[in-house]
Amino acid sequence: MSAPDTNLQKQKRRHWGPLLGIAAVLVLVAVLFFAYLGYSADTDTPEQQPAAGQVDPEVGQPAEGTPATPLTTPDGAPQVIEPDQAPAEQ
C-alpha cells in the first residue's frame, strides 16, 4: 500500500541532507578501503639470489663440511648417521 498523498517535491527537500550524508560516508569508506589496499600491498622487491655455483664475494666460500641447509634439531647439535656395522665374528 502506498501513501495517498505523495508529494515528491516535498520529499526531495526533506531527504537531501540524509542522502548527501550517506553518499559522503560511502565515498569516505571507498577512499579508506583503497588506502588500506595501498598500505598493505607488498611492494618490496625480493633480493636476488645468486645462481647455483656462484659465490658472493662478500660472503665467500662456505666452510668444508658445512651443511647445505640450517640444522633443524632442537638442541642444535649435528646429527651423525653411522653406517650399520656387521657383528664381529668370534
N, C-alpha and C. Protein backbone atom coordinates (compact mmCIF):
# COMPACT_ATOMS: atom_id res chain seq x y z
N MET A 1 0.84 -1.16 0.00
CA MET A 1 0.00 0.00 0.00
C MET A 1 0.89 1.24 0.00
N SER A 2 0.50 2.19 -0.73
CA SER A 2 1.26 3.43 -0.80
C SER A 2 0.49 4.55 -0.12
N ALA A 3 1.21 5.60 0.21
CA ALA A 3 0.56 6.75 0.86
C ALA A 3 -0.37 7.44 -0.14
N PRO A 4 -1.52 7.90 0.31
CA PRO A 4 -2.47 8.52 -0.61
C PRO A 4 -2.00 9.88 -1.11
N ASP A 5 -1.30 10.64 -0.31
CA ASP A 5 -0.82 11.96 -0.72
C ASP A 5 0.71 11.94 -0.79
N THR A 6 1.25 11.70 -1.95
CA THR A 6 2.71 11.72 -2.09
C THR A 6 3.09 12.94 -2.89
N ASN A 7 3.84 13.81 -2.25
CA ASN A 7 4.35 14.99 -2.90
C ASN A 7 5.85 14.79 -3.06
N LEU A 8 6.28 14.42 -4.26
CA LEU A 8 7.68 14.08 -4.48
C LEU A 8 8.60 15.27 -4.28
N GLN A 9 8.14 16.47 -4.63
CA GLN A 9 8.98 17.66 -4.45
C GLN A 9 9.25 17.91 -2.96
N LYS A 10 8.25 17.71 -2.14
CA LYS A 10 8.39 17.91 -0.71
C LYS A 10 9.33 16.85 -0.11
N GLN A 11 9.23 15.61 -0.57
CA GLN A 11 10.09 14.54 -0.08
C GLN A 11 11.54 14.77 -0.50
N LYS A 12 11.77 15.28 -1.69
CA LYS A 12 13.12 15.58 -2.15
C LYS A 12 13.76 16.63 -1.24
N ARG A 13 13.01 17.65 -0.87
CA ARG A 13 13.54 18.70 0.00
C ARG A 13 13.86 18.16 1.39
N ARG A 14 13.05 17.24 1.90
CA ARG A 14 13.25 16.73 3.25
C ARG A 14 14.38 15.70 3.33
N HIS A 15 14.68 15.04 2.26
CA HIS A 15 15.65 13.93 2.30
C HIS A 15 17.00 14.25 1.70
N TRP A 16 17.24 15.46 1.23
CA TRP A 16 18.52 15.74 0.57
C TRP A 16 19.68 15.66 1.55
N GLY A 17 19.48 16.05 2.80
CA GLY A 17 20.55 16.00 3.81
C GLY A 17 21.00 14.58 4.14
N PRO A 18 20.07 13.70 4.52
CA PRO A 18 20.46 12.32 4.80
C PRO A 18 21.06 11.60 3.59
N LEU A 19 20.50 11.86 2.40
CA LEU A 19 21.07 11.21 1.20
C LEU A 19 22.49 11.70 0.92
N LEU A 20 22.72 13.00 1.12
CA LEU A 20 24.07 13.54 0.95
C LEU A 20 25.03 12.93 1.98
N GLY A 21 24.56 12.76 3.21
CA GLY A 21 25.38 12.14 4.26
C GLY A 21 25.73 10.70 3.93
N ILE A 22 24.77 9.95 3.42
CA ILE A 22 25.02 8.56 3.04
C ILE A 22 26.04 8.51 1.91
N ALA A 23 25.91 9.39 0.92
CA ALA A 23 26.86 9.41 -0.19
C ALA A 23 28.26 9.78 0.30
N ALA A 24 28.36 10.73 1.24
CA ALA A 24 29.66 11.13 1.77
C ALA A 24 30.32 9.99 2.52
N VAL A 25 29.55 9.26 3.29
CA VAL A 25 30.10 8.11 4.03
C VAL A 25 30.58 7.03 3.06
N LEU A 26 29.83 6.77 2.00
CA LEU A 26 30.24 5.76 1.02
C LEU A 26 31.55 6.17 0.33
N VAL A 27 31.68 7.46 0.03
CA VAL A 27 32.93 7.94 -0.59
C VAL A 27 34.09 7.79 0.39
N LEU A 28 33.88 8.13 1.65
CA LEU A 28 34.91 8.00 2.67
C LEU A 28 35.33 6.54 2.85
N VAL A 29 34.38 5.63 2.87
CA VAL A 29 34.70 4.21 3.00
C VAL A 29 35.50 3.73 1.80
N ALA A 30 35.16 4.16 0.61
CA ALA A 30 35.90 3.77 -0.59
C ALA A 30 37.33 4.29 -0.54
N VAL A 31 37.51 5.54 -0.11
CA VAL A 31 38.86 6.11 0.00
C VAL A 31 39.68 5.35 1.03
N LEU A 32 39.11 5.07 2.18
CA LEU A 32 39.82 4.32 3.22
C LEU A 32 40.15 2.90 2.76
N PHE A 33 39.25 2.27 2.03
CA PHE A 33 39.50 0.92 1.53
C PHE A 33 40.69 0.89 0.58
N PHE A 34 40.72 1.82 -0.36
CA PHE A 34 41.84 1.85 -1.31
C PHE A 34 43.14 2.28 -0.64
N ALA A 35 43.05 3.12 0.38
CA ALA A 35 44.24 3.50 1.14
C ALA A 35 44.79 2.28 1.88
N TYR A 36 43.90 1.46 2.44
CA TYR A 36 44.33 0.24 3.12
C TYR A 36 44.97 -0.73 2.14
N LEU A 37 44.38 -0.88 0.97
CA LEU A 37 44.96 -1.78 -0.04
C LEU A 37 46.34 -1.30 -0.45
N GLY A 38 46.51 -0.01 -0.61
CA GLY A 38 47.81 0.53 -0.98
C GLY A 38 48.83 0.37 0.13
N TYR A 39 48.39 0.51 1.39
CA TYR A 39 49.30 0.37 2.52
C TYR A 39 49.72 -1.07 2.72
N SER A 40 48.80 -2.00 2.53
CA SER A 40 49.11 -3.40 2.82
C SER A 40 49.69 -4.15 1.62
N ALA A 41 49.79 -3.50 0.48
CA ALA A 41 50.34 -4.16 -0.71
C ALA A 41 51.82 -4.46 -0.49
N ASP A 42 52.25 -5.59 -0.97
CA ASP A 42 53.64 -5.98 -0.84
C ASP A 42 54.41 -5.38 -2.01
N THR A 43 55.07 -4.27 -1.75
CA THR A 43 55.81 -3.60 -2.82
C THR A 43 57.31 -3.83 -2.72
N ASP A 44 57.75 -4.60 -1.73
CA ASP A 44 59.17 -4.88 -1.60
C ASP A 44 59.61 -5.79 -2.73
N THR A 45 60.76 -5.49 -3.29
CA THR A 45 61.30 -6.36 -4.32
C THR A 45 62.15 -7.42 -3.64
N PRO A 46 62.00 -8.66 -4.03
CA PRO A 46 62.80 -9.71 -3.39
C PRO A 46 64.27 -9.56 -3.75
N GLU A 47 65.12 -9.93 -2.80
CA GLU A 47 66.55 -9.88 -3.07
C GLU A 47 66.89 -10.93 -4.11
N GLN A 48 67.81 -10.58 -4.97
CA GLN A 48 68.20 -11.53 -6.00
C GLN A 48 69.19 -12.52 -5.40
N GLN A 49 68.89 -13.78 -5.55
CA GLN A 49 69.75 -14.84 -5.06
C GLN A 49 70.75 -15.20 -6.16
N PRO A 50 72.02 -15.42 -5.78
CA PRO A 50 72.98 -15.81 -6.81
C PRO A 50 72.63 -17.19 -7.36
N ALA A 51 72.95 -17.39 -8.61
CA ALA A 51 72.68 -18.68 -9.23
C ALA A 51 73.55 -19.75 -8.57
N ALA A 52 73.12 -20.99 -8.72
CA ALA A 52 73.87 -22.10 -8.12
C ALA A 52 75.29 -22.12 -8.67
N GLY A 53 76.24 -22.26 -7.79
CA GLY A 53 77.63 -22.32 -8.22
C GLY A 53 78.33 -20.98 -8.16
N GLN A 54 77.58 -19.89 -8.06
CA GLN A 54 78.19 -18.58 -7.96
C GLN A 54 78.50 -18.27 -6.50
N VAL A 55 79.58 -17.54 -6.27
CA VAL A 55 79.99 -17.22 -4.91
C VAL A 55 79.87 -15.71 -4.74
N ASP A 56 79.25 -15.31 -3.64
CA ASP A 56 79.15 -13.89 -3.31
C ASP A 56 80.50 -13.46 -2.73
N PRO A 57 81.16 -12.46 -3.31
CA PRO A 57 82.48 -12.09 -2.82
C PRO A 57 82.48 -11.59 -1.38
N GLU A 58 81.37 -11.04 -0.91
CA GLU A 58 81.31 -10.57 0.47
C GLU A 58 81.21 -11.72 1.46
N VAL A 59 80.53 -12.79 1.07
CA VAL A 59 80.31 -13.91 1.98
C VAL A 59 81.45 -14.91 1.85
N GLY A 60 81.88 -15.21 0.66
CA GLY A 60 82.95 -16.17 0.45
C GLY A 60 82.42 -17.59 0.37
N GLN A 61 83.36 -18.51 0.31
CA GLN A 61 83.01 -19.93 0.23
C GLN A 61 82.59 -20.44 1.61
N PRO A 62 81.59 -21.31 1.67
CA PRO A 62 81.25 -21.91 2.95
C PRO A 62 82.34 -22.89 3.38
N ALA A 63 82.47 -23.08 4.68
CA ALA A 63 83.49 -23.99 5.20
C ALA A 63 83.20 -25.40 4.72
N GLU A 64 84.23 -26.18 4.53
CA GLU A 64 84.07 -27.55 4.07
C GLU A 64 83.38 -28.35 5.17
N GLY A 65 82.41 -29.12 4.80
CA GLY A 65 81.66 -29.92 5.77
C GLY A 65 80.46 -29.18 6.34
N THR A 66 80.24 -27.94 5.91
CA THR A 66 79.10 -27.17 6.39
C THR A 66 77.83 -27.71 5.72
N PRO A 67 76.78 -27.93 6.51
CA PRO A 67 75.55 -28.44 5.87
C PRO A 67 74.97 -27.40 4.92
N ALA A 68 74.33 -27.89 3.88
CA ALA A 68 73.74 -27.00 2.87
C ALA A 68 72.53 -26.27 3.42
N THR A 69 71.84 -26.88 4.36
CA THR A 69 70.67 -26.25 4.96
C THR A 69 70.91 -26.09 6.46
N PRO A 70 70.25 -25.17 7.10
CA PRO A 70 70.44 -25.00 8.54
C PRO A 70 69.97 -26.22 9.31
N LEU A 71 70.58 -26.44 10.44
CA LEU A 71 70.18 -27.57 11.28
C LEU A 71 68.82 -27.29 11.89
N THR A 72 68.01 -28.32 11.95
CA THR A 72 66.67 -28.14 12.49
C THR A 72 66.46 -28.91 13.77
N THR A 73 67.50 -29.48 14.35
CA THR A 73 67.34 -30.22 15.60
C THR A 73 67.17 -29.23 16.74
N PRO A 74 66.40 -29.60 17.75
CA PRO A 74 66.14 -28.66 18.83
C PRO A 74 67.39 -28.31 19.64
N ASP A 75 68.31 -29.26 19.81
CA ASP A 75 69.49 -28.98 20.63
C ASP A 75 70.61 -28.32 19.82
N GLY A 76 70.48 -28.24 18.53
CA GLY A 76 71.46 -27.57 17.70
C GLY A 76 72.67 -28.41 17.36
N ALA A 77 72.76 -29.61 17.91
CA ALA A 77 73.91 -30.47 17.62
C ALA A 77 73.70 -31.16 16.28
N PRO A 78 74.77 -31.32 15.50
CA PRO A 78 74.61 -32.02 14.23
C PRO A 78 74.33 -33.51 14.47
N GLN A 79 73.54 -34.05 13.61
CA GLN A 79 73.22 -35.47 13.72
C GLN A 79 74.15 -36.24 12.80
N VAL A 80 74.72 -37.30 13.35
CA VAL A 80 75.63 -38.14 12.59
C VAL A 80 74.96 -39.49 12.41
N ILE A 81 74.91 -39.94 11.18
CA ILE A 81 74.33 -41.24 10.90
C ILE A 81 75.49 -42.21 10.66
N GLU A 82 75.62 -43.17 11.55
CA GLU A 82 76.69 -44.16 11.45
C GLU A 82 76.23 -45.28 10.52
N PRO A 83 77.15 -45.79 9.69
CA PRO A 83 76.78 -46.94 8.86
C PRO A 83 76.58 -48.18 9.74
N ASP A 84 75.71 -49.05 9.26
CA ASP A 84 75.48 -50.29 10.01
C ASP A 84 76.78 -51.08 10.06
N GLN A 85 77.14 -51.53 11.23
CA GLN A 85 78.35 -52.34 11.38
C GLN A 85 77.96 -53.79 11.57
N ALA A 86 78.65 -54.64 10.86
CA ALA A 86 78.37 -56.06 10.96
C ALA A 86 78.93 -56.56 12.30
N PRO A 87 78.25 -57.53 12.92
CA PRO A 87 78.75 -58.05 14.19
C PRO A 87 80.11 -58.73 13.99
N ALA A 88 80.97 -58.55 14.94
CA ALA A 88 82.33 -59.14 14.85
C ALA A 88 82.23 -60.64 14.98
N GLU A 89 82.98 -61.36 14.14
CA GLU A 89 82.97 -62.82 14.20
C GLU A 89 83.95 -63.28 15.25
N GLN A 90 83.58 -64.31 16.00
CA GLN A 90 84.44 -64.85 17.06
C GLN A 90 85.12 -66.11 16.66
